[in-house]
């Protein structure tokens, strides 16, 4: 039955590598656990490792995209946020842990971390612990629910899930629209999308 656990890893990885709000990885983990009657704790551990791999890859991708599409000023904004998190490493870890325990997509968090070129060690351990707790609870609850598969599918498209995605999108827009340097250094709320504009050469 080892190949079913590979599916769990790949499913969690794919759910957490996408650069936009997506249903939580525990959805596919719970479905596979029910369909193949897998060991719950192995599903949780392997699935969380897949999620960590997906988020790590997302950080690498967002770092490259930021270098390519963000203007230098916006890149400085994100690097400032990364530097602030390094200054208070334990507070940063606590923030990531708290956020990972909440029923919110962590996509904006990892996009911002990648854009700021933050060392993955500052964010992935706390994310692993947070997701280990939340996914263990979610998979266990899903395995005991009546008509579990239908319930899980319905929950993925419920009002609660949609609201979670909307909140995540708002976080994403705020992250890229706010001038963080002005907010942190000057305590002023300034908006600056910071996307590179294409320049045309006349000749």
N, C-alpha and C. Protein backbone atom coordinates (compact mmCIF):
# COMPACT_ATOMS: atom_id res chain seq x y z
N UNK A 1 0.83 -1.21 0.00
CA UNK A 1 0.00 0.00 0.00
C UNK A 1 0.86 1.27 0.00
N UNK A 2 2.16 1.11 -0.24
CA UNK A 2 3.05 2.28 -0.16
C UNK A 2 2.70 3.34 -1.18
N UNK A 3 2.18 2.91 -2.37
CA UNK A 3 1.93 3.90 -3.43
C UNK A 3 0.79 4.85 -3.05
N UNK A 4 -0.15 4.39 -2.19
CA UNK A 4 -1.21 5.28 -1.75
C UNK A 4 -0.65 6.43 -0.91
N UNK A 5 0.39 6.14 -0.14
CA UNK A 5 1.00 7.20 0.67
C UNK A 5 1.78 8.18 -0.20
N UNK A 6 2.30 7.68 -1.31
CA UNK A 6 2.93 8.60 -2.28
C UNK A 6 1.89 9.54 -2.85
N UNK A 7 0.68 9.02 -3.10
CA UNK A 7 -0.42 9.88 -3.56
C UNK A 7 -0.76 10.95 -2.53
N UNK A 8 -0.72 10.58 -1.26
CA UNK A 8 -0.99 11.55 -0.19
C UNK A 8 0.05 12.67 -0.24
N UNK A 9 1.33 12.30 -0.35
CA UNK A 9 2.40 13.29 -0.42
C UNK A 9 2.23 14.20 -1.63
N UNK A 10 2.01 13.60 -2.80
CA UNK A 10 1.88 14.38 -4.03
C UNK A 10 0.63 15.26 -3.99
N UNK A 11 -0.46 14.74 -3.45
CA UNK A 11 -1.69 15.53 -3.36
C UNK A 11 -1.51 16.75 -2.47
N UNK A 12 -0.92 16.55 -1.29
CA UNK A 12 -0.68 17.68 -0.38
C UNK A 12 0.30 18.67 -1.01
N UNK A 13 1.33 18.15 -1.69
CA UNK A 13 2.31 19.03 -2.35
C UNK A 13 1.62 19.90 -3.40
N UNK A 14 0.80 19.29 -4.25
CA UNK A 14 0.13 20.04 -5.32
C UNK A 14 -0.86 21.06 -4.78
N UNK A 15 -1.57 20.71 -3.71
CA UNK A 15 -2.54 21.63 -3.13
C UNK A 15 -1.85 22.86 -2.53
N UNK A 16 -0.60 22.68 -2.05
CA UNK A 16 0.08 23.78 -1.37
C UNK A 16 1.15 24.46 -2.22
N UNK A 17 1.34 24.03 -3.45
CA UNK A 17 2.33 24.69 -4.30
C UNK A 17 1.68 25.72 -5.22
N UNK A 18 0.36 25.68 -5.35
CA UNK A 18 -0.32 26.61 -6.25
C UNK A 18 -0.22 28.03 -5.69
N UNK A 19 0.04 29.04 -6.55
CA UNK A 19 0.28 30.41 -6.08
C UNK A 19 -0.99 31.24 -5.89
N UNK A 20 -2.10 30.59 -5.61
CA UNK A 20 -3.35 31.31 -5.36
C UNK A 20 -4.16 30.52 -4.33
N UNK A 21 -5.11 31.18 -3.65
CA UNK A 21 -5.90 30.48 -2.62
C UNK A 21 -6.57 29.23 -3.17
N UNK A 22 -6.43 28.13 -2.44
CA UNK A 22 -6.90 26.83 -2.89
C UNK A 22 -7.44 26.08 -1.68
N UNK A 23 -8.31 25.08 -1.88
CA UNK A 23 -8.78 24.29 -0.73
C UNK A 23 -7.60 23.74 0.07
N UNK A 24 -7.75 23.60 1.38
CA UNK A 24 -6.64 23.14 2.22
C UNK A 24 -6.20 21.72 1.87
N UNK A 25 -4.92 21.45 2.13
CA UNK A 25 -4.35 20.15 1.76
C UNK A 25 -5.00 19.00 2.51
N UNK A 26 -5.55 19.27 3.71
CA UNK A 26 -6.16 18.17 4.46
C UNK A 26 -7.38 17.61 3.73
N UNK A 27 -7.92 18.37 2.78
CA UNK A 27 -9.05 17.86 2.00
C UNK A 27 -8.66 16.61 1.23
N UNK A 28 -7.58 16.70 0.46
CA UNK A 28 -7.14 15.55 -0.33
C UNK A 28 -6.58 14.46 0.59
N UNK A 29 -5.95 14.86 1.69
CA UNK A 29 -5.42 13.88 2.64
C UNK A 29 -6.54 13.04 3.23
N UNK A 30 -7.64 13.70 3.63
CA UNK A 30 -8.76 12.98 4.24
C UNK A 30 -9.45 12.08 3.22
N UNK A 31 -9.64 12.58 2.01
CA UNK A 31 -10.27 11.77 0.97
C UNK A 31 -9.47 10.49 0.70
N UNK A 32 -8.16 10.63 0.57
CA UNK A 32 -7.32 9.45 0.29
C UNK A 32 -7.30 8.50 1.48
N UNK A 33 -7.33 9.04 2.69
CA UNK A 33 -7.34 8.19 3.88
C UNK A 33 -8.62 7.34 3.93
N UNK A 34 -9.74 7.96 3.56
CA UNK A 34 -11.02 7.25 3.58
C UNK A 34 -11.09 6.24 2.44
N UNK A 35 -10.71 6.67 1.25
CA UNK A 35 -10.84 5.79 0.07
C UNK A 35 -9.99 4.53 0.22
N UNK A 36 -8.73 4.69 0.70
CA UNK A 36 -7.81 3.55 0.77
C UNK A 36 -7.67 2.98 2.18
N UNK A 37 -8.44 3.52 3.14
CA UNK A 37 -8.39 3.04 4.52
C UNK A 37 -6.96 3.02 5.04
N UNK A 38 -6.30 4.17 4.95
CA UNK A 38 -4.90 4.29 5.33
C UNK A 38 -4.76 4.61 6.81
N UNK A 39 -3.55 4.39 7.31
CA UNK A 39 -3.24 4.75 8.69
C UNK A 39 -3.30 6.28 8.83
N UNK A 40 -4.11 6.76 9.75
CA UNK A 40 -4.36 8.20 9.86
C UNK A 40 -3.07 8.97 10.17
N UNK A 41 -2.27 8.45 11.11
CA UNK A 41 -1.08 9.20 11.52
C UNK A 41 -0.04 9.24 10.41
N UNK A 42 0.07 8.15 9.65
CA UNK A 42 0.99 8.18 8.50
C UNK A 42 0.49 9.18 7.45
N UNK A 43 -0.82 9.22 7.25
CA UNK A 43 -1.39 10.18 6.30
C UNK A 43 -1.08 11.61 6.75
N UNK A 44 -1.27 11.87 8.03
CA UNK A 44 -1.03 13.22 8.55
C UNK A 44 0.44 13.62 8.39
N UNK A 45 1.36 12.76 8.82
CA UNK A 45 2.79 13.09 8.77
C UNK A 45 3.27 13.23 7.33
N UNK A 46 2.91 12.27 6.48
CA UNK A 46 3.35 12.32 5.08
C UNK A 46 2.70 13.49 4.36
N UNK A 47 1.42 13.73 4.67
CA UNK A 47 0.73 14.85 4.04
C UNK A 47 1.32 16.19 4.44
N UNK A 48 1.66 16.35 5.71
CA UNK A 48 2.26 17.61 6.17
C UNK A 48 3.64 17.80 5.53
N UNK A 49 4.40 16.73 5.39
CA UNK A 49 5.69 16.83 4.70
C UNK A 49 5.48 17.28 3.25
N UNK A 50 4.42 16.76 2.62
CA UNK A 50 4.09 17.21 1.26
C UNK A 50 3.72 18.67 1.23
N UNK A 51 2.97 19.12 2.24
CA UNK A 51 2.60 20.54 2.32
C UNK A 51 3.82 21.42 2.50
N UNK A 52 4.75 20.99 3.35
CA UNK A 52 5.99 21.75 3.56
C UNK A 52 6.78 21.83 2.26
N UNK A 53 6.86 20.71 1.55
CA UNK A 53 7.55 20.72 0.26
C UNK A 53 6.89 21.65 -0.74
N UNK A 54 5.56 21.65 -0.74
CA UNK A 54 4.84 22.54 -1.65
C UNK A 54 5.05 24.00 -1.32
N UNK A 55 5.00 24.34 -0.04
CA UNK A 55 5.20 25.73 0.37
C UNK A 55 6.63 26.18 0.15
N UNK A 56 7.59 25.28 0.36
CA UNK A 56 9.00 25.61 0.09
C UNK A 56 9.19 25.92 -1.40
N UNK A 57 8.60 25.08 -2.25
CA UNK A 57 8.69 25.32 -3.69
C UNK A 57 8.01 26.62 -4.07
N UNK A 58 6.88 26.93 -3.42
CA UNK A 58 6.18 28.18 -3.67
C UNK A 58 7.05 29.37 -3.30
N UNK A 59 7.79 29.27 -2.20
CA UNK A 59 8.70 30.35 -1.81
C UNK A 59 9.76 30.58 -2.89
N UNK A 60 10.32 29.50 -3.42
CA UNK A 60 11.35 29.63 -4.46
C UNK A 60 10.77 30.27 -5.72
N UNK A 61 9.56 29.83 -6.09
CA UNK A 61 8.92 30.38 -7.30
C UNK A 61 8.58 31.86 -7.12
N UNK A 62 8.05 32.22 -5.94
CA UNK A 62 7.66 33.60 -5.72
C UNK A 62 8.89 34.51 -5.66
N UNK A 63 10.01 33.98 -5.18
CA UNK A 63 11.24 34.76 -5.17
C UNK A 63 11.68 35.11 -6.59
N UNK A 64 11.59 34.12 -7.47
CA UNK A 64 11.96 34.36 -8.88
C UNK A 64 10.98 35.32 -9.55
N UNK A 65 9.69 35.12 -9.30
CA UNK A 65 8.68 35.99 -9.91
C UNK A 65 8.82 37.42 -9.41
N UNK A 66 9.14 37.58 -8.11
CA UNK A 66 9.30 38.91 -7.55
C UNK A 66 10.47 39.63 -8.21
N UNK A 67 11.57 38.91 -8.42
CA UNK A 67 12.74 39.52 -9.06
C UNK A 67 12.42 39.94 -10.50
N UNK A 68 11.53 39.21 -11.12
CA UNK A 68 11.23 39.47 -12.52
C UNK A 68 10.17 40.54 -12.71
N UNK A 69 9.15 40.56 -11.84
CA UNK A 69 7.98 41.40 -12.10
C UNK A 69 7.80 42.57 -11.13
N UNK A 70 8.45 42.55 -9.97
CA UNK A 70 8.29 43.65 -9.02
C UNK A 70 9.36 44.71 -9.26
N UNK A 71 8.96 45.98 -9.13
CA UNK A 71 9.96 47.04 -9.28
C UNK A 71 10.87 47.06 -8.06
N UNK A 72 12.05 47.69 -8.17
CA UNK A 72 13.02 47.67 -7.06
C UNK A 72 12.46 48.18 -5.74
N UNK A 73 11.60 49.21 -5.79
CA UNK A 73 11.06 49.78 -4.55
C UNK A 73 10.19 48.76 -3.82
N UNK A 74 9.36 48.05 -4.55
CA UNK A 74 8.52 47.04 -3.92
C UNK A 74 9.36 45.88 -3.40
N UNK A 75 10.41 45.53 -4.12
CA UNK A 75 11.32 44.48 -3.65
C UNK A 75 11.97 44.89 -2.33
N UNK A 76 12.33 46.17 -2.21
CA UNK A 76 12.89 46.68 -0.96
C UNK A 76 11.87 46.57 0.18
N UNK A 77 10.61 46.82 -0.14
CA UNK A 77 9.55 46.69 0.87
C UNK A 77 9.54 45.29 1.47
N UNK A 78 9.53 44.29 0.60
CA UNK A 78 9.47 42.91 1.07
C UNK A 78 10.75 42.52 1.81
N UNK A 79 11.89 43.00 1.33
CA UNK A 79 13.13 42.69 2.02
C UNK A 79 13.18 43.33 3.40
N UNK A 80 12.54 44.51 3.54
CA UNK A 80 12.44 45.15 4.85
C UNK A 80 11.62 44.29 5.80
N UNK A 81 10.50 43.74 5.31
CA UNK A 81 9.68 42.87 6.14
C UNK A 81 10.46 41.62 6.55
N UNK A 82 11.23 41.08 5.60
CA UNK A 82 12.05 39.91 5.92
C UNK A 82 13.10 40.23 6.97
N UNK A 83 13.71 41.41 6.86
CA UNK A 83 14.72 41.83 7.84
C UNK A 83 14.09 42.01 9.22
N UNK A 84 12.88 42.57 9.27
CA UNK A 84 12.19 42.76 10.55
C UNK A 84 11.89 41.42 11.21
N UNK A 85 11.53 40.43 10.38
CA UNK A 85 11.22 39.11 10.93
C UNK A 85 12.49 38.46 11.47
N UNK A 86 13.64 38.68 10.81
CA UNK A 86 14.89 38.12 11.28
C UNK A 86 15.32 38.75 12.60
N UNK A 87 15.01 40.05 12.78
CA UNK A 87 15.37 40.74 14.02
C UNK A 87 14.67 40.13 15.23
N UNK A 88 13.42 39.76 15.05
CA UNK A 88 12.65 39.14 16.14
C UNK A 88 12.25 37.74 15.70
N UNK A 89 13.28 36.85 15.64
CA UNK A 89 13.08 35.51 15.08
C UNK A 89 11.97 34.74 15.79
N UNK A 90 11.98 34.77 17.13
CA UNK A 90 10.99 33.98 17.86
C UNK A 90 9.59 34.56 17.73
N UNK A 91 9.50 35.88 17.68
CA UNK A 91 8.19 36.49 17.46
C UNK A 91 7.68 36.14 16.07
N UNK A 92 8.59 36.13 15.09
CA UNK A 92 8.20 35.76 13.73
C UNK A 92 7.72 34.32 13.67
N UNK A 93 8.44 33.42 14.36
CA UNK A 93 8.03 32.02 14.39
C UNK A 93 6.67 31.86 15.06
N UNK A 94 6.44 32.62 16.13
CA UNK A 94 5.16 32.56 16.82
C UNK A 94 4.04 33.07 15.93
N UNK A 95 4.31 34.11 15.14
CA UNK A 95 3.30 34.64 14.21
C UNK A 95 2.94 33.60 13.16
N UNK A 96 3.98 32.95 12.61
CA UNK A 96 3.74 31.92 11.59
C UNK A 96 2.97 30.75 12.18
N UNK A 97 3.35 30.34 13.39
CA UNK A 97 2.66 29.23 14.06
C UNK A 97 1.19 29.57 14.29
N UNK A 98 0.94 30.78 14.78
CA UNK A 98 -0.44 31.21 15.05
C UNK A 98 -1.25 31.24 13.77
N UNK A 99 -0.67 31.80 12.72
CA UNK A 99 -1.37 31.88 11.44
C UNK A 99 -1.65 30.49 10.88
N UNK A 100 -0.69 29.57 11.05
CA UNK A 100 -0.86 28.21 10.53
C UNK A 100 -1.95 27.45 11.28
N UNK A 101 -2.23 27.85 12.52
CA UNK A 101 -3.27 27.20 13.30
C UNK A 101 -4.67 27.72 12.97
N UNK A 102 -4.72 28.87 12.29
CA UNK A 102 -6.01 29.45 11.94
C UNK A 102 -6.54 28.82 10.65
N UNK A 103 -7.87 28.82 10.47
CA UNK A 103 -8.46 28.24 9.25
C UNK A 103 -8.37 29.20 8.06
N UNK A 104 -7.14 29.64 7.76
CA UNK A 104 -6.90 30.57 6.66
C UNK A 104 -5.84 30.00 5.73
N UNK A 105 -5.98 30.21 4.42
CA UNK A 105 -4.92 29.76 3.50
C UNK A 105 -3.61 30.49 3.80
N UNK A 106 -2.52 29.76 3.77
CA UNK A 106 -1.21 30.35 4.05
C UNK A 106 -0.49 30.80 2.78
N UNK A 107 -1.19 30.77 1.65
CA UNK A 107 -0.56 31.16 0.39
C UNK A 107 0.03 32.57 0.43
N UNK A 108 -0.72 33.60 0.90
CA UNK A 108 -0.13 34.95 0.93
C UNK A 108 1.11 35.02 1.81
N UNK A 109 1.12 34.27 2.91
CA UNK A 109 2.25 34.27 3.81
C UNK A 109 3.52 33.79 3.09
N UNK A 110 3.41 32.72 2.32
CA UNK A 110 4.58 32.16 1.65
C UNK A 110 4.95 32.95 0.40
N UNK A 111 3.98 33.56 -0.25
CA UNK A 111 4.31 34.44 -1.36
C UNK A 111 5.13 35.64 -0.87
N UNK A 112 4.70 36.21 0.25
CA UNK A 112 5.43 37.33 0.83
C UNK A 112 6.80 36.93 1.31
N UNK A 113 6.90 35.75 1.94
CA UNK A 113 8.19 35.27 2.42
C UNK A 113 9.15 35.03 1.27
N UNK A 114 8.64 34.49 0.18
CA UNK A 114 9.48 34.27 -0.99
C UNK A 114 9.92 35.57 -1.62
N UNK A 115 8.99 36.51 -1.73
CA UNK A 115 9.32 37.81 -2.32
C UNK A 115 10.34 38.57 -1.50
N UNK A 116 10.33 38.38 -0.18
CA UNK A 116 11.29 39.05 0.70
C UNK A 116 12.61 38.30 0.79
N UNK A 117 12.68 37.15 0.08
CA UNK A 117 13.89 36.31 0.08
C UNK A 117 14.25 35.87 1.50
N UNK A 118 13.22 35.57 2.28
CA UNK A 118 13.41 35.12 3.65
C UNK A 118 13.93 33.68 3.64
N UNK A 119 14.88 33.40 4.53
CA UNK A 119 15.39 32.05 4.67
C UNK A 119 14.26 31.12 5.09
N UNK A 120 14.05 30.01 4.37
CA UNK A 120 12.94 29.10 4.70
C UNK A 120 12.96 28.61 6.14
N UNK A 121 14.15 28.56 6.77
CA UNK A 121 14.24 28.09 8.15
C UNK A 121 13.54 29.02 9.13
N UNK A 122 13.27 30.27 8.71
CA UNK A 122 12.57 31.20 9.58
C UNK A 122 11.06 30.97 9.58
N UNK A 123 10.57 30.15 8.66
CA UNK A 123 9.12 30.04 8.52
C UNK A 123 8.63 28.59 8.46
N UNK A 124 9.41 27.67 7.86
CA UNK A 124 8.92 26.31 7.65
C UNK A 124 8.76 25.49 8.94
N UNK A 125 9.67 25.57 9.93
CA UNK A 125 9.45 24.77 11.15
C UNK A 125 8.14 25.09 11.86
N UNK A 126 7.84 26.39 12.00
CA UNK A 126 6.59 26.77 12.67
C UNK A 126 5.38 26.35 11.83
N UNK A 127 5.51 26.47 10.50
CA UNK A 127 4.43 26.02 9.61
C UNK A 127 4.20 24.52 9.77
N UNK A 128 5.28 23.75 9.85
CA UNK A 128 5.17 22.29 10.00
C UNK A 128 4.40 21.95 11.27
N UNK A 129 4.75 22.59 12.39
CA UNK A 129 4.08 22.30 13.66
C UNK A 129 2.60 22.69 13.59
N UNK A 130 2.33 23.89 13.06
CA UNK A 130 0.95 24.35 12.96
C UNK A 130 0.09 23.43 12.10
N UNK A 131 0.62 23.05 10.94
CA UNK A 131 -0.14 22.18 10.05
C UNK A 131 -0.25 20.76 10.58
N UNK A 132 0.75 20.32 11.35
CA UNK A 132 0.66 18.99 11.95
C UNK A 132 -0.52 18.92 12.90
N UNK A 133 -0.73 19.98 13.66
CA UNK A 133 -1.85 20.04 14.61
C UNK A 133 -3.19 20.14 13.88
N UNK A 134 -3.31 21.12 12.98
CA UNK A 134 -4.60 21.34 12.32
C UNK A 134 -4.98 20.19 11.40
N UNK A 135 -4.00 19.64 10.67
CA UNK A 135 -4.32 18.54 9.76
C UNK A 135 -4.65 17.26 10.51
N UNK A 136 -3.99 17.04 11.66
CA UNK A 136 -4.31 15.86 12.46
C UNK A 136 -5.77 15.93 12.94
N UNK A 137 -6.17 17.10 13.40
CA UNK A 137 -7.57 17.28 13.84
C UNK A 137 -8.53 17.11 12.68
N UNK A 138 -8.21 17.72 11.52
CA UNK A 138 -9.11 17.69 10.37
C UNK A 138 -9.26 16.27 9.82
N UNK A 139 -8.15 15.55 9.68
CA UNK A 139 -8.21 14.19 9.13
C UNK A 139 -8.94 13.25 10.08
N UNK A 140 -8.69 13.39 11.38
CA UNK A 140 -9.40 12.54 12.35
C UNK A 140 -10.90 12.84 12.33
N UNK A 141 -11.27 14.10 12.29
CA UNK A 141 -12.69 14.45 12.26
C UNK A 141 -13.34 13.95 10.98
N UNK A 142 -12.63 14.07 9.86
CA UNK A 142 -13.17 13.62 8.59
C UNK A 142 -13.37 12.12 8.55
N UNK A 143 -12.46 11.38 9.20
CA UNK A 143 -12.55 9.92 9.16
C UNK A 143 -13.74 9.39 9.97
N UNK A 144 -14.22 10.19 10.93
CA UNK A 144 -15.34 9.74 11.77
C UNK A 144 -16.69 10.34 11.34
N UNK A 145 -16.65 11.27 10.38
CA UNK A 145 -17.90 11.92 9.96
C UNK A 145 -18.76 10.95 9.16
N UNK A 146 -20.06 11.09 9.30
CA UNK A 146 -20.97 10.29 8.49
C UNK A 146 -20.96 10.82 7.06
N UNK A 147 -20.99 9.86 6.12
CA UNK A 147 -20.95 10.22 4.70
C UNK A 147 -19.78 11.19 4.48
N UNK A 148 -18.61 10.78 4.93
CA UNK A 148 -17.46 11.68 5.00
C UNK A 148 -17.09 12.30 3.66
N UNK A 149 -17.02 11.49 2.62
CA UNK A 149 -16.56 12.01 1.33
C UNK A 149 -17.47 13.12 0.84
N UNK A 150 -18.77 12.90 0.91
CA UNK A 150 -19.72 13.92 0.47
C UNK A 150 -19.60 15.17 1.36
N UNK A 151 -19.43 14.96 2.66
CA UNK A 151 -19.29 16.10 3.58
C UNK A 151 -18.05 16.91 3.28
N UNK A 152 -16.93 16.23 3.02
CA UNK A 152 -15.68 16.92 2.73
C UNK A 152 -15.78 17.74 1.46
N UNK A 153 -16.40 17.15 0.43
CA UNK A 153 -16.55 17.87 -0.84
C UNK A 153 -17.44 19.09 -0.66
N UNK A 154 -18.52 18.93 0.10
CA UNK A 154 -19.41 20.06 0.35
C UNK A 154 -18.71 21.15 1.15
N UNK A 155 -17.91 20.75 2.15
CA UNK A 155 -17.18 21.73 2.97
C UNK A 155 -16.17 22.51 2.15
N UNK A 156 -15.62 21.89 1.10
CA UNK A 156 -14.63 22.57 0.26
C UNK A 156 -15.25 23.72 -0.50
N UNK A 157 -16.57 23.67 -0.70
CA UNK A 157 -17.25 24.73 -1.45
C UNK A 157 -18.32 25.42 -0.59
N UNK A 158 -18.14 25.33 0.70
CA UNK A 158 -19.11 25.95 1.62
C UNK A 158 -18.85 27.44 1.72
N UNK A 159 -19.81 28.15 2.36
CA UNK A 159 -19.65 29.59 2.57
C UNK A 159 -18.41 29.88 3.40
N UNK A 160 -18.13 29.05 4.40
CA UNK A 160 -16.95 29.22 5.24
C UNK A 160 -15.68 29.13 4.42
N UNK A 161 -15.63 28.14 3.52
CA UNK A 161 -14.45 27.98 2.67
C UNK A 161 -14.29 29.14 1.71
N UNK A 162 -15.40 29.60 1.14
CA UNK A 162 -15.34 30.74 0.22
C UNK A 162 -14.91 32.01 0.94
N UNK A 163 -15.40 32.21 2.17
CA UNK A 163 -15.00 33.38 2.95
C UNK A 163 -13.51 33.33 3.27
N UNK A 164 -13.01 32.14 3.54
CA UNK A 164 -11.59 31.97 3.81
C UNK A 164 -10.75 32.37 2.60
N UNK A 165 -11.21 31.98 1.42
CA UNK A 165 -10.50 32.32 0.19
C UNK A 165 -10.56 33.83 -0.06
N UNK A 166 -11.73 34.44 0.19
CA UNK A 166 -11.86 35.89 0.01
C UNK A 166 -10.91 36.65 0.93
N UNK A 167 -10.85 36.22 2.20
CA UNK A 167 -9.94 36.86 3.15
C UNK A 167 -8.49 36.70 2.70
N UNK A 168 -8.17 35.52 2.19
CA UNK A 168 -6.82 35.29 1.70
C UNK A 168 -6.48 36.20 0.53
N UNK A 169 -7.45 36.40 -0.37
CA UNK A 169 -7.23 37.30 -1.51
C UNK A 169 -7.01 38.73 -1.04
N UNK A 170 -7.78 39.16 -0.04
CA UNK A 170 -7.61 40.50 0.51
C UNK A 170 -6.23 40.66 1.14
N UNK A 171 -5.76 39.62 1.87
CA UNK A 171 -4.40 39.65 2.42
C UNK A 171 -3.38 39.77 1.30
N UNK A 172 -3.60 39.01 0.24
CA UNK A 172 -2.68 39.01 -0.90
C UNK A 172 -2.61 40.40 -1.53
N UNK A 173 -3.77 41.02 -1.75
CA UNK A 173 -3.80 42.35 -2.35
C UNK A 173 -3.15 43.39 -1.44
N UNK A 174 -3.43 43.29 -0.14
CA UNK A 174 -2.83 44.22 0.81
C UNK A 174 -1.31 44.08 0.83
N UNK A 175 -0.83 42.85 0.75
CA UNK A 175 0.59 42.60 0.81
C UNK A 175 1.34 43.30 -0.33
N UNK A 176 0.74 43.25 -1.53
CA UNK A 176 1.41 43.80 -2.69
C UNK A 176 1.03 45.25 -2.96
N UNK A 177 -0.05 45.74 -2.36
CA UNK A 177 -0.49 47.11 -2.63
C UNK A 177 0.05 48.12 -1.62
N UNK A 178 0.32 47.68 -0.39
CA UNK A 178 0.77 48.60 0.66
C UNK A 178 2.27 48.87 0.52
N UNK A 179 2.64 50.12 0.70
CA UNK A 179 4.06 50.50 0.75
C UNK A 179 4.54 50.21 2.17
N UNK A 180 5.15 49.04 2.36
CA UNK A 180 5.51 48.60 3.71
C UNK A 180 6.65 49.42 4.31
N UNK A 181 7.52 49.92 3.46
CA UNK A 181 8.61 50.75 3.97
C UNK A 181 8.06 52.03 4.60
N UNK A 182 7.10 52.65 3.92
CA UNK A 182 6.48 53.87 4.46
C UNK A 182 5.71 53.57 5.74
N UNK A 183 5.06 52.39 5.78
CA UNK A 183 4.26 52.04 6.96
C UNK A 183 5.16 51.74 8.16
N UNK A 184 6.24 50.97 7.94
CA UNK A 184 7.11 50.57 9.04
C UNK A 184 8.00 51.72 9.50
N UNK A 185 8.59 52.46 8.54
CA UNK A 185 9.55 53.50 8.90
C UNK A 185 8.90 54.83 9.25
N UNK A 186 7.86 55.22 8.49
CA UNK A 186 7.25 56.54 8.66
C UNK A 186 5.86 56.50 9.28
N UNK A 187 5.35 55.29 9.53
CA UNK A 187 4.01 55.11 10.10
C UNK A 187 2.93 55.76 9.22
N UNK A 188 3.12 55.69 7.90
CA UNK A 188 2.17 56.25 6.95
C UNK A 188 1.63 55.13 6.05
N UNK A 189 0.31 55.15 5.85
CA UNK A 189 -0.30 54.16 4.97
C UNK A 189 -0.29 54.68 3.54
N UNK A 190 0.56 54.09 2.71
CA UNK A 190 0.71 54.49 1.32
C UNK A 190 0.50 53.26 0.46
N UNK A 191 -0.17 53.43 -0.67
CA UNK A 191 -0.42 52.31 -1.57
C UNK A 191 0.48 52.42 -2.79
N UNK A 192 1.11 51.31 -3.12
CA UNK A 192 2.00 51.25 -4.27
C UNK A 192 2.05 49.81 -4.75
N UNK A 193 1.43 49.54 -5.90
CA UNK A 193 1.34 48.16 -6.39
C UNK A 193 2.71 47.59 -6.70
N UNK A 194 3.60 48.42 -7.27
CA UNK A 194 4.99 48.01 -7.45
C UNK A 194 5.25 46.98 -8.52
N UNK A 195 4.43 46.96 -9.57
CA UNK A 195 4.67 46.05 -10.68
C UNK A 195 5.54 46.74 -11.71
N UNK A 196 6.53 46.04 -12.23
CA UNK A 196 7.39 46.62 -13.24
C UNK A 196 6.60 46.98 -14.48
N UNK A 197 6.84 48.15 -15.03
CA UNK A 197 6.19 48.54 -16.27
C UNK A 197 7.14 48.28 -17.42
N UNK A 198 6.56 47.81 -18.50
CA UNK A 198 7.39 47.54 -19.68
C UNK A 198 7.82 48.87 -20.30
N UNK A 199 9.04 48.93 -20.68
CA UNK A 199 9.56 50.14 -21.34
C UNK A 199 9.78 49.86 -22.81
N UNK A 200 9.45 50.81 -23.62
CA UNK A 200 9.62 50.67 -25.05
C UNK A 200 10.73 51.60 -25.51
N UNK A 201 11.53 51.13 -26.43
CA UNK A 201 12.62 51.91 -26.97
C UNK A 201 12.24 52.46 -28.32
N UNK A 202 12.49 53.73 -28.49
CA UNK A 202 12.21 54.35 -29.77
C UNK A 202 13.47 54.29 -30.63
N UNK A 203 13.30 54.09 -31.87
CA UNK A 203 14.47 54.04 -32.71
C UNK A 203 14.11 53.65 -34.11
